[in-house]
Amino acid sequence: MTATWQDVRSWILQRNPELDEADVAPETDIIESRIVDSLQFVELVLHIEDLRGEMLQSMDVDLNAFRTLKDIERNFLSQ
């Protein structure tokens, strides 16, 4: 089974129980809105690596590639 943006949203919602699904839409900027803060960002990268089954290359870790759930899916999960 291929991971999708919904898997990442589920992870975010588990760590932020004050949010609901409407707060974390596929096009919401999760960095700018501080849904994912700087401490959670490292955990997010590790979670994406788990979903992919492989490590990200350091050149792939560009903040803009992680802005929205759709960006994450397009850049890391649909390969």
Protein backbone atom coordinates (compact mmCIF):
# COMPACT_ATOMS: atom_id res chain seq x y z
CA MET A 1 0.00 0.00 0.00
CA THR A 2 1.34 3.42 -0.98
CA ALA A 3 1.32 6.15 1.65
CA THR A 4 -0.62 9.35 0.94
CA TRP A 5 -1.09 12.81 2.39
CA GLN A 6 -3.87 11.35 4.58
CA ASP A 7 -1.26 9.26 6.43
CA VAL A 8 0.70 12.42 7.19
CA ARG A 9 -2.47 14.24 8.30
CA SER A 10 -3.30 11.37 10.67
CA TRP A 11 0.17 11.66 12.18
CA ILE A 12 -0.24 15.43 12.64
CA LEU A 13 -3.68 15.02 14.23
CA GLN A 14 -2.37 12.42 16.68
CA ARG A 15 0.26 14.89 17.88
CA ASN A 16 -2.07 17.88 17.94
CA PRO A 17 -5.35 16.73 19.53
CA GLU A 18 -6.67 20.30 19.58
CA LEU A 19 -6.90 20.20 15.76
CA ASP A 20 -9.49 18.47 13.62
CA GLU A 21 -9.35 17.32 10.00
CA ALA A 22 -10.73 20.64 8.73
CA ASP A 23 -7.73 22.43 10.26
CA VAL A 24 -5.31 20.30 8.26
CA ALA A 25 -6.57 20.46 4.68
CA PRO A 26 -4.39 19.14 1.83
CA GLU A 27 -3.45 22.69 0.73
CA THR A 28 -2.99 24.24 4.21
CA ASP A 29 0.52 25.57 4.76
CA ILE A 30 1.43 23.50 7.81
CA ILE A 31 4.67 25.44 8.35
CA GLU A 32 3.31 28.99 8.08
CA SER A 33 0.25 28.13 10.19
CA ARG A 34 2.53 26.49 12.77
CA ILE A 35 0.57 23.25 12.69
CA VAL A 36 4.02 21.66 12.57
CA ASP A 37 6.51 23.60 14.66
CA SER A 38 10.29 23.45 14.47
CA LEU A 39 10.53 20.63 17.00
CA GLN A 40 7.89 18.53 15.24
CA PHE A 41 9.51 19.11 11.86
CA VAL A 42 12.32 16.67 12.59
CA GLU A 43 9.77 14.08 13.72
CA LEU A 44 7.78 14.75 10.54
CA VAL A 45 10.83 14.06 8.37
CA LEU A 46 11.42 10.78 10.24
CA HIS A 47 7.76 9.82 9.83
CA ILE A 48 7.92 10.48 6.09
CA GLU A 49 11.04 8.30 5.91
CA ASP A 50 9.10 5.53 7.67
CA LEU A 51 6.21 5.89 5.22
CA ARG A 52 8.62 5.78 2.27
CA GLY A 53 10.65 2.93 3.66
CA GLU A 54 13.85 4.82 2.93
CA MET A 55 15.80 7.82 4.17
CA LEU A 56 15.49 11.21 2.54
CA GLN A 57 18.60 12.65 0.98
CA SER A 58 19.79 15.86 2.64
CA MET A 59 19.30 17.74 -0.63
CA ASP A 60 15.61 16.69 -0.55
CA VAL A 61 15.00 18.35 2.82
CA ASP A 62 13.93 21.78 1.59
CA LEU A 63 11.30 23.53 3.70
CA ASN A 64 9.17 24.34 0.63
CA ALA A 65 8.84 20.63 -0.15
CA PHE A 66 7.02 20.22 3.19
CA ARG A 67 4.67 23.24 3.12
CA THR A 68 1.41 21.39 2.44
CA LEU A 69 0.24 17.80 2.67
CA LYS A 70 -0.08 17.75 -1.12
CA ASP A 71 3.52 19.02 -1.44
CA ILE A 72 4.68 16.21 0.85
CA GLU A 73 2.77 13.63 -1.19
CA ARG A 74 4.05 14.98 -4.50
CA ASN A 75 7.68 15.32 -3.35
CA PHE A 76 8.11 12.24 -1.20
CA LEU A 77 5.28 9.73 -1.30
CA SER A 78 4.35 9.34 -4.96
CA GLN A 79 7.76 8.17 -6.12
